[in-house]
Amino acid sequence: MRFILALTSVALLSLGPVTGTAMPMDRKAGTAQGPVITFVAGWWEQENRSDAADRYWHLNRTDRRRYDQIEARIAHRHKRYHLDHYDRRDDRDLTEQRRLLDY
């Protein structure tokens, strides 16, 4: 009877969560340092055009609406094709955006 009781209690204890066993002994070994990545929102950041935002806000209403439509088209294309960078399909739209901002 004692043997069965001991086996039952060991079985019940083994079902509980075990904490700390998966943690590495050396904390520095467990933390991998990856490269520092800076995410860039649009083409003007990629081309270091720091005044592009000011130029955008000084566009007249029609040009700003046109710029926003182009940006929405690019975003839709990137979402549809799972892109995270500009490619040749964006060239015409990017050229038009640059033209609107006088670049």
PDB file of N, CA and C in Angstrom:
ATOM      1  N   MET A   1       0.813  -1.182   0.000  1.00  0.00           N
ATOM      2  CA  MET A   1       0.000   0.000   0.000  1.00  0.00           C
ATOM      3  C   MET A   1       0.870   1.264   0.000  1.00  0.00           C
ATOM      4  N   ARG A   2       1.936   1.252   0.841  1.00  0.00           N
ATOM      5  CA  ARG A   2       2.839   2.404   0.889  1.00  0.00           C
ATOM      6  C   ARG A   2       3.509   2.625  -0.455  1.00  0.00           C
ATOM      7  N   PHE A   3       3.863   1.562  -1.122  1.00  0.00           N
ATOM      8  CA  PHE A   3       4.529   1.653  -2.406  1.00  0.00           C
ATOM      9  C   PHE A   3       3.619   2.326  -3.444  1.00  0.00           C
ATOM     10  N   ILE A   4       2.348   1.978  -3.471  1.00  0.00           N
ATOM     11  CA  ILE A   4       1.389   2.561  -4.404  1.00  0.00           C
ATOM     12  C   ILE A   4       1.170   4.036  -4.073  1.00  0.00           C
ATOM     13  N   LEU A   5       1.099   4.360  -2.786  1.00  0.00           N
ATOM     14  CA  LEU A   5       0.931   5.742  -2.359  1.00  0.00           C
ATOM     15  C   LEU A   5       2.150   6.576  -2.762  1.00  0.00           C
ATOM     16  N   ALA A   6       3.332   6.020  -2.621  1.00  0.00           N
ATOM     17  CA  ALA A   6       4.553   6.725  -3.012  1.00  0.00           C
ATOM     18  C   ALA A   6       4.592   6.947  -4.519  1.00  0.00           C
ATOM     19  N   LEU A   7       4.241   5.947  -5.299  1.00  0.00           N
ATOM     20  CA  LEU A   7       4.205   6.090  -6.754  1.00  0.00           C
ATOM     21  C   LEU A   7       3.175   7.120  -7.195  1.00  0.00           C
ATOM     22  N   THR A   8       2.036   7.130  -6.550  1.00  0.00           N
ATOM     23  CA  THR A   8       0.981   8.091  -6.886  1.00  0.00           C
ATOM     24  C   THR A   8       1.429   9.512  -6.585  1.00  0.00           C
ATOM     25  N   SER A   9       2.058   9.737  -5.445  1.00  0.00           N
ATOM     26  CA  SER A   9       2.513  11.086  -5.097  1.00  0.00           C
ATOM     27  C   SER A   9       3.642  11.547  -6.021  1.00  0.00           C
ATOM     28  N   VAL A  10       4.541  10.651  -6.415  1.00  0.00           N
ATOM     29  CA  VAL A  10       5.601  11.008  -7.362  1.00  0.00           C
ATOM     30  C   VAL A  10       4.995  11.360  -8.712  1.00  0.00           C
ATOM     31  N   ALA A  11       3.999  10.606  -9.140  1.00  0.00           N
ATOM     32  CA  ALA A  11       3.337  10.863 -10.421  1.00  0.00           C
ATOM     33  C   ALA A  11       2.626  12.207 -10.393  1.00  0.00           C
ATOM     34  N   LEU A  12       1.957  12.518  -9.308  1.00  0.00           N
ATOM     35  CA  LEU A  12       1.264  13.805  -9.196  1.00  0.00           C
ATOM     36  C   LEU A  12       2.244  14.973  -9.164  1.00  0.00           C
ATOM     37  N   LEU A  13       3.356  14.809  -8.483  1.00  0.00           N
ATOM     38  CA  LEU A  13       4.357  15.874  -8.432  1.00  0.00           C
ATOM     39  C   LEU A  13       5.011  16.097  -9.797  1.00  0.00           C
ATOM     40  N   SER A  14       5.142  15.062 -10.575  1.00  0.00           N
ATOM     41  CA  SER A  14       5.791  15.207 -11.878  1.00  0.00           C
ATOM     42  C   SER A  14       4.880  15.890 -12.891  1.00  0.00           C
ATOM     43  N   LEU A  15       3.584  15.946 -12.612  1.00  0.00           N
ATOM     44  CA  LEU A  15       2.659  16.629 -13.510  1.00  0.00           C
ATOM     45  C   LEU A  15       2.697  18.146 -13.344  1.00  0.00           C
ATOM     46  N   GLY A  16       3.219  18.630 -12.251  1.00  0.00           N
ATOM     47  CA  GLY A  16       3.276  20.065 -11.992  1.00  0.00           C
ATOM     48  C   GLY A  16       4.344  20.750 -12.837  1.00  0.00           C
ATOM     49  N   PRO A  17       4.277  22.078 -12.948  1.00  0.00           N
ATOM     50  CA  PRO A  17       5.256  22.804 -13.754  1.00  0.00           C
ATOM     51  C   PRO A  17       6.646  22.786 -13.111  1.00  0.00           C
ATOM     52  N   VAL A  18       7.646  22.692 -13.941  1.00  0.00           N
ATOM     53  CA  VAL A  18       9.022  22.711 -13.484  1.00  0.00           C
ATOM     54  C   VAL A  18       9.624  24.035 -13.955  1.00  0.00           C
ATOM     55  N   THR A  19      10.016  24.870 -13.031  1.00  0.00           N
ATOM     56  CA  THR A  19      10.573  26.173 -13.400  1.00  0.00           C
ATOM     57  C   THR A  19      12.069  26.179 -13.177  1.00  0.00           C
ATOM     58  N   GLY A  20      12.759  26.885 -14.029  1.00  0.00           N
ATOM     59  CA  GLY A  20      14.188  27.068 -13.844  1.00  0.00           C
ATOM     60  C   GLY A  20      15.056  26.046 -14.528  1.00  0.00           C
ATOM     61  N   THR A  21      14.515  24.935 -14.960  1.00  0.00           N
ATOM     62  CA  THR A  21      15.369  23.919 -15.570  1.00  0.00           C
ATOM     63  C   THR A  21      15.763  24.286 -16.999  1.00  0.00           C
ATOM     64  N   ALA A  22      14.954  25.077 -17.680  1.00  0.00           N
ATOM     65  CA  ALA A  22      15.274  25.451 -19.061  1.00  0.00           C
ATOM     66  C   ALA A  22      16.154  26.701 -19.115  1.00  0.00           C
ATOM     67  N   MET A  23      16.323  27.380 -18.006  1.00  0.00           N
ATOM     68  CA  MET A  23      17.118  28.589 -17.996  1.00  0.00           C
ATOM     69  C   MET A  23      18.606  28.245 -17.986  1.00  0.00           C
ATOM     70  N   PRO A  24      19.382  28.900 -18.840  1.00  0.00           N
ATOM     71  CA  PRO A  24      20.811  28.599 -18.867  1.00  0.00           C
ATOM     72  C   PRO A  24      21.491  29.015 -17.564  1.00  0.00           C
ATOM     73  N   MET A  25      22.539  28.311 -17.224  1.00  0.00           N
ATOM     74  CA  MET A  25      23.270  28.622 -15.998  1.00  0.00           C
ATOM     75  C   MET A  25      23.969  29.964 -16.107  1.00  0.00           C
ATOM     76  N   ASP A  26      24.536  30.239 -17.272  1.00  0.00           N
ATOM     77  CA  ASP A  26      25.210  31.516 -17.503  1.00  0.00           C
ATOM     78  C   ASP A  26      24.235  32.428 -18.232  1.00  0.00           C
ATOM     79  N   ARG A  27      23.810  33.516 -17.590  1.00  0.00           N
ATOM     80  CA  ARG A  27      22.808  34.396 -18.191  1.00  0.00           C
ATOM     81  C   ARG A  27      23.308  35.050 -19.477  1.00  0.00           C
ATOM     82  N   LYS A  28      24.584  35.345 -19.580  1.00  0.00           N
ATOM     83  CA  LYS A  28      25.120  35.976 -20.784  1.00  0.00           C
ATOM     84  C   LYS A  28      25.060  35.034 -21.981  1.00  0.00           C
ATOM     85  N   ALA A  29      25.181  33.752 -21.754  1.00  0.00           N
ATOM     86  CA  ALA A  29      25.144  32.786 -22.849  1.00  0.00           C
ATOM     87  C   ALA A  29      23.747  32.685 -23.438  1.00  0.00           C
ATOM     88  N   GLY A  30      22.719  32.978 -22.652  1.00  0.00           N
ATOM     89  CA  GLY A  30      21.357  32.839 -23.124  1.00  0.00           C
ATOM     90  C   GLY A  30      20.832  34.039 -23.882  1.00  0.00           C
ATOM     91  N   THR A  31      21.508  35.177 -23.782  1.00  0.00           N
ATOM     92  CA  THR A  31      21.017  36.368 -24.470  1.00  0.00           C
ATOM     93  C   THR A  31      21.857  36.615 -25.712  1.00  0.00           C
ATOM     94  N   ALA A  32      21.253  36.393 -26.845  1.00  0.00           N
ATOM     95  CA  ALA A  32      21.951  36.615 -28.113  1.00  0.00           C
ATOM     96  C   ALA A  32      21.790  38.074 -28.529  1.00  0.00           C
ATOM     97  N   GLN A  33      22.868  38.679 -28.914  1.00  0.00           N
ATOM     98  CA  GLN A  33      22.841  40.062 -29.360  1.00  0.00           C
ATOM     99  C   GLN A  33      22.760  40.093 -30.878  1.00  0.00           C
ATOM    100  N   GLY A  34      21.659  40.603 -31.388  1.00  0.00           N
ATOM    101  CA  GLY A  34      21.477  40.710 -32.831  1.00  0.00           C
ATOM    102  C   GLY A  34      21.957  42.067 -33.313  1.00  0.00           C
ATOM    103  N   PRO A  35      21.997  42.241 -34.612  1.00  0.00           N
ATOM    104  CA  PRO A  35      22.408  43.536 -35.164  1.00  0.00           C
ATOM    105  C   PRO A  35      21.345  44.585 -34.898  1.00  0.00           C
ATOM    106  N   VAL A  36      21.771  45.808 -34.795  1.00  0.00           N
ATOM    107  CA  VAL A  36      20.848  46.916 -34.603  1.00  0.00           C
ATOM    108  C   VAL A  36      20.231  47.248 -35.952  1.00  0.00           C
ATOM    109  N   ILE A  37      18.895  47.248 -36.011  1.00  0.00           N
ATOM    110  CA  ILE A  37      18.189  47.508 -37.259  1.00  0.00           C
ATOM    111  C   ILE A  37      17.368  48.774 -37.094  1.00  0.00           C
ATOM    112  N   THR A  38      17.496  49.664 -38.035  1.00  0.00           N
ATOM    113  CA  THR A  38      16.690  50.868 -38.051  1.00  0.00           C
ATOM    114  C   THR A  38      15.659  50.724 -39.155  1.00  0.00           C
ATOM    115  N   PHE A  39      14.381  50.730 -38.783  1.00  0.00           N
ATOM    116  CA  PHE A  39      13.333  50.603 -39.774  1.00  0.00           C
ATOM    117  C   PHE A  39      13.037  51.974 -40.363  1.00  0.00           C
ATOM    118  N   VAL A  40      12.877  52.001 -41.659  1.00  0.00           N
ATOM    119  CA  VAL A  40      12.662  53.247 -42.376  1.00  0.00           C
ATOM    120  C   VAL A  40      11.264  53.221 -42.969  1.00  0.00           C
ATOM    121  N   ALA A  41      10.538  54.324 -42.783  1.00  0.00           N
ATOM    122  CA  ALA A  41       9.143  54.360 -43.192  1.00  0.00           C
ATOM    123  C   ALA A  41       8.949  54.579 -44.684  1.00  0.00           C
ATOM    124  N   GLY A  42       9.696  55.463 -45.292  1.00  0.00           N
ATOM    125  CA  GLY A  42       9.437  55.789 -46.688  1.00  0.00           C
ATOM    126  C   GLY A  42      10.692  56.144 -47.453  1.00  0.00           C
ATOM    127  N   TRP A  43      10.506  56.505 -48.715  1.00  0.00           N
ATOM    128  CA  TRP A  43      11.652  56.766 -49.579  1.00  0.00           C
ATOM    129  C   TRP A  43      12.422  57.994 -49.135  1.00  0.00           C
ATOM    130  N   TRP A  44      11.750  58.999 -48.581  1.00  0.00           N
ATOM    131  CA  TRP A  44      12.501  60.208 -48.235  1.00  0.00           C
ATOM    132  C   TRP A  44      13.466  59.972 -47.079  1.00  0.00           C
ATOM    133  N   GLU A  45      13.117  59.038 -46.161  1.00  0.00           N
ATOM    134  CA  GLU A  45      14.073  58.680 -45.111  1.00  0.00           C
ATOM    135  C   GLU A  45      15.236  57.886 -45.692  1.00  0.00           C
ATOM    136  N   GLN A  46      14.942  57.024 -46.655  1.00  0.00           N
ATOM    137  CA  GLN A  46      15.993  56.220 -47.267  1.00  0.00           C
ATOM    138  C   GLN A  46      16.977  57.088 -48.041  1.00  0.00           C
ATOM    139  N   GLU A  47      16.495  58.173 -48.616  1.00  0.00           N
ATOM    140  CA  GLU A  47      17.359  59.054 -49.394  1.00  0.00           C
ATOM    141  C   GLU A  47      17.877  60.238 -48.576  1.00  0.00           C
ATOM    142  N   ASN A  48      17.638  60.202 -47.262  1.00  0.00           N
ATOM    143  CA  ASN A  48      18.094  61.259 -46.348  1.00  0.00           C
ATOM    144  C   ASN A  48      17.589  62.635 -46.771  1.00  0.00           C
ATOM    145  N   ARG A  49      16.332  62.696 -47.156  1.00  0.00           N
ATOM    146  CA  ARG A  49      15.697  63.967 -47.527  1.00  0.00           C
ATOM    147  C   ARG A  49      14.993  64.505 -46.287  1.00  0.00           C
ATOM    148  N   SER A  50      15.721  65.192 -45.445  1.00  0.00           N
ATOM    149  CA  SER A  50      15.162  65.632 -44.173  1.00  0.00           C
ATOM    150  C   SER A  50      14.098  66.716 -44.329  1.00  0.00           C
ATOM    151  N   ASP A  51      14.090  67.422 -45.449  1.00  0.00           N
ATOM    152  CA  ASP A  51      13.104  68.478 -45.640  1.00  0.00           C
ATOM    153  C   ASP A  51      11.855  67.993 -46.379  1.00  0.00           C
ATOM    154  N   ALA A  52      11.781  66.721 -46.711  1.00  0.00           N
ATOM    155  CA  ALA A  52      10.646  66.199 -47.474  1.00  0.00           C
ATOM    156  C   ALA A  52       9.338  66.323 -46.696  1.00  0.00           C
ATOM    157  N   ALA A  53       9.378  66.110 -45.398  1.00  0.00           N
ATOM    158  CA  ALA A  53       8.151  66.237 -44.608  1.00  0.00           C
ATOM    159  C   ALA A  53       7.625  67.665 -44.661  1.00  0.00           C
ATOM    160  N   ASP A  54       8.510  68.632 -44.574  1.00  0.00           N
ATOM    161  CA  ASP A  54       8.079  70.033 -44.676  1.00  0.00           C
ATOM    162  C   ASP A  54       7.498  70.322 -46.054  1.00  0.00           C
ATOM    163  N   ARG A  55       8.126  69.797 -47.076  1.00  0.00           N
ATOM    164  CA  ARG A  55       7.605  70.003 -48.432  1.00  0.00           C
ATOM    165  C   ARG A  55       6.230  69.369 -48.583  1.00  0.00           C
ATOM    166  N   TYR A  56       6.065  68.203 -47.987  1.00  0.00           N
ATOM    167  CA  TYR A  56       4.758  67.536 -48.048  1.00  0.00           C
ATOM    168  C   TYR A  56       3.684  68.421 -47.434  1.00  0.00           C
ATOM    169  N   TRP A  57       3.942  68.959 -46.258  1.00  0.00           N
ATOM    170  CA  TRP A  57       2.921  69.748 -45.569  1.00  0.00           C
ATOM    171  C   TRP A  57       2.668  71.090 -46.252  1.00  0.00           C
ATOM    172  N   HIS A  58       3.553  71.519 -47.126  1.00  0.00           N
ATOM    173  CA  HIS A  58       3.340  72.759 -47.870  1.00  0.00           C
ATOM    174  C   HIS A  58       2.695  72.526 -49.234  1.00  0.00           C
ATOM    175  N   LEU A  59       2.391  71.271 -49.573  1.00  0.00           N
ATOM    176  CA  LEU A  59       1.682  70.993 -50.820  1.00  0.00           C
ATOM    177  C   LEU A  59       0.260  71.533 -50.738  1.00  0.00           C
ATOM    178  N   ASN A  60      -0.266  71.931 -51.886  1.00  0.00           N
ATOM    179  CA  ASN A  60      -1.672  72.326 -51.878  1.00  0.00           C
ATOM    180  C   ASN A  60      -2.536  71.080 -51.702  1.00  0.00           C
ATOM    181  N   ARG A  61      -3.791  71.280 -51.433  1.00  0.00           N
ATOM    182  CA  ARG A  61      -4.688  70.180 -51.075  1.00  0.00           C
ATOM    183  C   ARG A  61      -4.760  69.112 -52.180  1.00  0.00           C
ATOM    184  N   THR A  62      -4.827  69.530 -53.421  1.00  0.00           N
ATOM    185  CA  THR A  62      -4.922  68.584 -54.538  1.00  0.00           C
ATOM    186  C   THR A  62      -3.669  67.730 -54.657  1.00  0.00           C
ATOM    187  N   ASP A  63      -2.488  68.356 -54.570  1.00  0.00           N
ATOM    188  CA  ASP A  63      -1.234  67.613 -54.674  1.00  0.00           C
ATOM    189  C   ASP A  63      -1.040  66.684 -53.478  1.00  0.00           C
ATOM    190  N   ARG A  64      -1.433  67.146 -52.303  1.00  0.00           N
ATOM    191  CA  ARG A  64      -1.303  66.282 -51.124  1.00  0.00           C
ATOM    192  C   ARG A  64      -2.221  65.070 -51.244  1.00  0.00           C
ATOM    193  N   ARG A  65      -3.438  65.279 -51.749  1.00  0.00           N
ATOM    194  CA  ARG A  65      -4.352  64.161 -51.958  1.00  0.00           C
ATOM    195  C   ARG A  65      -3.773  63.188 -52.984  1.00  0.00           C
ATOM    196  N   ARG A  66      -3.191  63.706 -54.050  1.00  0.00           N
ATOM    197  CA  ARG A  66      -2.559  62.861 -55.072  1.00  0.00           C
ATOM    198  C   ARG A  66      -1.405  62.058 -54.463  1.00  0.00           C
ATOM    199  N   TYR A  67      -0.564  62.734 -53.665  1.00  0.00           N
ATOM    200  CA  TYR A  67       0.560  62.073 -53.001  1.00  0.00           C
ATOM    201  C   TYR A  67       0.048  60.946 -52.101  1.00  0.00           C
ATOM    202  N   ASP A  68      -0.994  61.222 -51.322  1.00  0.00           N
ATOM    203  CA  ASP A  68      -1.549  60.217 -50.416  1.00  0.00           C
ATOM    204  C   ASP A  68      -2.143  59.033 -51.172  1.00  0.00           C
ATOM    205  N   GLN A  69      -2.782  59.289 -52.311  1.00  0.00           N
ATOM    206  CA  GLN A  69      -3.317  58.198 -53.122  1.00  0.00           C
ATOM    207  C   GLN A  69      -2.195  57.302 -53.637  1.00  0.00           C
ATOM    208  N   ILE A  70      -1.104  57.919 -54.054  1.00  0.00           N
ATOM    209  CA  ILE A  70       0.047  57.145 -54.527  1.00  0.00           C
ATOM    210  C   ILE A  70       0.615  56.309 -53.382  1.00  0.00           C
ATOM    211  N   GLU A  71       0.738  56.918 -52.218  1.00  0.00           N
ATOM    212  CA  GLU A  71       1.265  56.203 -51.053  1.00  0.00           C
ATOM    213  C   GLU A  71       0.369  55.026 -50.675  1.00  0.00           C
ATOM    214  N   ALA A  72      -0.952  55.229 -50.752  1.00  0.00           N
ATOM    215  CA  ALA A  72      -1.886  54.144 -50.451  1.00  0.00           C
ATOM    216  C   ALA A  72      -1.756  53.020 -51.477  1.00  0.00           C
ATOM    217  N   ARG A  73      -1.553  53.378 -52.745  1.00  0.00           N
ATOM    218  CA  ARG A  73      -1.376  52.360 -53.778  1.00  0.00           C
ATOM    219  C   ARG A  73      -0.109  51.546 -53.529  1.00  0.00           C
ATOM    220  N   ILE A  74       0.967  52.217 -53.140  1.00  0.00           N
ATOM    221  CA  ILE A  74       2.223  51.517 -52.830  1.00  0.00           C
ATOM    222  C   ILE A  74       2.025  50.594 -51.627  1.00  0.00           C
ATOM    223  N   ALA A  75       1.372  51.101 -50.587  1.00  0.00           N
ATOM    224  CA  ALA A  75       1.146  50.289 -49.377  1.00  0.00           C
ATOM    225  C   ALA A  75       0.287  49.069 -49.698  1.00  0.00           C
ATOM    226  N   HIS A  76      -0.734  49.262 -50.528  1.00  0.00           N
ATOM    227  CA  HIS A  76      -1.584  48.132 -50.914  1.00  0.00           C
ATOM    228  C   HIS A  76      -0.781  47.086 -51.684  1.00  0.00           C
ATOM    229  N   ARG A  77       0.052  47.547 -52.595  1.00  0.00           N
ATOM    230  CA  ARG A  77       0.879  46.621 -53.386  1.00  0.00           C
ATOM    231  C   ARG A  77       1.844  45.857 -52.478  1.00  0.00           C
ATOM    232  N   HIS A  78       2.441  46.551 -51.520  1.00  0.00           N
ATOM    233  CA  HIS A  78       3.380  45.893 -50.609  1.00  0.00           C
ATOM    234  C   HIS A  78       2.671  44.873 -49.726  1.00  0.00           C
ATOM    235  N   LYS A  79       1.467  45.204 -49.303  1.00  0.00           N
ATOM    236  CA  LYS A  79       0.709  44.254 -48.483  1.00  0.00           C
ATOM    237  C   LYS A  79       0.290  43.045 -49.326  1.00  0.00           C
ATOM    238  N   ARG A  80      -0.135  43.297 -50.540  1.00  0.00           N
ATOM    239  CA  ARG A  80      -0.600  42.219 -51.413  1.00  0.00           C
ATOM    240  C   ARG A  80       0.510  41.237 -51.766  1.00  0.00           C
ATOM    241  N   TYR A  81       1.695  41.772 -52.064  1.00  0.00           N
ATOM    242  CA  TYR A  81       2.810  40.915 -52.475  1.00  0.00           C
ATOM    243  C   TYR A  81       3.789  40.630 -51.343  1.00  0.00           C
ATOM    244  N   HIS A  82       3.444  41.033 -50.124  1.00  0.00           N
ATOM    245  CA  HIS A  82       4.280  40.789 -48.940  1.00  0.00           C
ATOM    246  C   HIS A  82       5.681  41.372 -49.130  1.00  0.00           C
ATOM    247  N   LEU A  83       5.739  42.619 -49.549  1.00  0.00           N
ATOM    248  CA  LEU A  83       7.018  43.297 -49.755  1.00  0.00           C
ATOM    249  C   LEU A  83       7.349  44.151 -48.543  1.00  0.00           C
ATOM    250  N   ASP A  84       8.627  44.262 -48.239  1.00  0.00           N
ATOM    251  CA  ASP A  84       9.059  45.160 -47.172  1.00  0.00           C
ATOM    252  C   ASP A  84      10.074  46.176 -47.684  1.00  0.00           C
ATOM    253  N   HIS A  85      10.177  46.288 -49.006  1.00  0.00           N
ATOM    254  CA  HIS A  85      11.092  47.260 -49.609  1.00  0.00           C
ATOM    255  C   HIS A  85      10.556  47.647 -50.986  1.00  0.00           C
ATOM    256  N   TYR A  86      11.041  48.761 -51.485  1.00  0.00           N
ATOM    257  CA  TYR A  86      10.614  49.198 -52.813  1.00  0.00           C
ATOM    258  C   TYR A  86      11.269  48.343 -53.887  1.00  0.00           C
ATOM    259  N   ASP A  87      10.558  48.146 -54.987  1.00  0.00           N
ATOM    260  CA  ASP A  87      11.138  47.443 -56.130  1.00  0.00           C
ATOM    261  C   ASP A  87      10.702  48.135 -57.417  1.00  0.00           C
ATOM    262  N   ARG A  88      10.956  47.521 -58.551  1.00  0.00           N
ATOM    263  CA  ARG A  88      10.698  48.157 -59.853  1.00  0.00           C
ATOM    264  C   ARG A  88       9.226  48.488 -60.054  1.00  0.00           C
ATOM    265  N   ARG A  89       8.320  47.752 -59.393  1.00  0.00           N
ATOM    266  CA  ARG A  89       6.891  48.044 -59.533  1.00  0.00           C
ATOM    267  C   ARG A  89       6.514  49.382 -58.919  1.00  0.00           C
ATOM    268  N   ASP A  90       7.347  49.881 -58.025  1.00  0.00           N
ATOM    269  CA  ASP A  90       7.075  51.158 -57.356  1.00  0.00           C
ATOM    270  C   ASP A  90       7.709  52.351 -58.063  1.00  0.00           C
ATOM    271  N   ASP A  91       8.530  52.097 -59.065  1.00  0.00           N
ATOM    272  CA  ASP A  91       9.306  53.179 -59.682  1.00  0.00           C
ATOM    273  C   ASP A  91       8.447  54.332 -60.189  1.00  0.00           C
ATOM    274  N   ARG A  92       7.379  54.032 -60.908  1.00  0.00           N
ATOM    275  CA  ARG A  92       6.550  55.099 -61.478  1.00  0.00           C
ATOM    276  C   ARG A  92       5.899  55.932 -60.375  1.00  0.00           C
ATOM    277  N   ASP A  93       5.393  55.253 -59.343  1.00  0.00           N
ATOM    278  CA  ASP A  93       4.753  55.970 -58.236  1.00  0.00           C
ATOM    279  C   ASP A  93       5.755  56.812 -57.459  1.00  0.00           C
ATOM    280  N   LEU A  94       6.933  56.273 -57.208  1.00  0.00           N
ATOM    281  CA  LEU A  94       7.955  57.027 -56.479  1.00  0.00           C
ATOM    282  C   LEU A  94       8.413  58.233 -57.277  1.00  0.00           C
ATOM    283  N   THR A  95       8.520  58.083 -58.589  1.00  0.00           N
ATOM    284  CA  THR A  95       8.898  59.210 -59.443  1.00  0.00           C
ATOM    285  C   THR A  95       7.854  60.310 -59.358  1.00  0.00           C
ATOM    286  N   GLU A  96       6.597  59.928 -59.366  1.00  0.00           N
ATOM    287  CA  GLU A  96       5.514  60.912 -59.258  1.00  0.00           C
ATOM    288  C   GLU A  96       5.537  61.605 -57.894  1.00  0.00           C
ATOM    289  N   GLN A  97       5.795  60.865 -56.841  1.00  0.00           N
ATOM    290  CA  GLN A  97       5.880  61.489 -55.508  1.00  0.00           C
ATOM    291  C   GLN A  97       7.037  62.478 -55.459  1.00  0.00           C
ATOM    292  N   ARG A  98       8.168  62.111 -56.008  1.00  0.00           N
ATOM    293  CA  ARG A  98       9.324  63.026 -56.020  1.00  0.00           C
ATOM    294  C   ARG A  98       8.993  64.280 -56.824  1.00  0.00           C
ATOM    295  N   ARG A  99       8.285  64.107 -57.939  1.00  0.00           N
ATOM    296  CA  ARG A  99       7.904  65.259 -58.758  1.00  0.00           C
ATOM    297  C   ARG A  99       6.992  66.203 -57.977  1.00  0.00           C
ATOM    298  N   LEU A 100       6.064  65.632 -57.225  1.00  0.00           N
ATOM    299  CA  LEU A 100       5.149  66.462 -56.424  1.00  0.00           C
ATOM    300  C   LEU A 100       5.909  67.265 -55.373  1.00  0.00           C
ATOM    301  N   LEU A 101       6.982  66.700 -54.847  1.00  0.00           N
ATOM    302  CA  LEU A 101       7.764  67.408 -53.816  1.00  0.00           C
ATOM    303  C   LEU A 101       8.921  68.213 -54.399  1.00  0.00           C
ATOM    304  N   ASP A 102       8.980  68.315 -55.722  1.00  0.00           N
ATOM    305  CA  ASP A 102      10.037  69.068 -56.416  1.00  0.00           C
ATOM    306  C   ASP A 102      11.426  68.511 -56.179  1.00  0.00           C
ATOM    307  N   TYR A 103      11.561  67.185 -56.224  1.00  0.00           N
ATOM    308  CA  TYR A 103      12.886  66.557 -56.149  1.00  0.00           C
ATOM    309  C   TYR A 103      13.262  66.059 -57.499  1.00  0.00           C
TER     310      TYR A 103
END
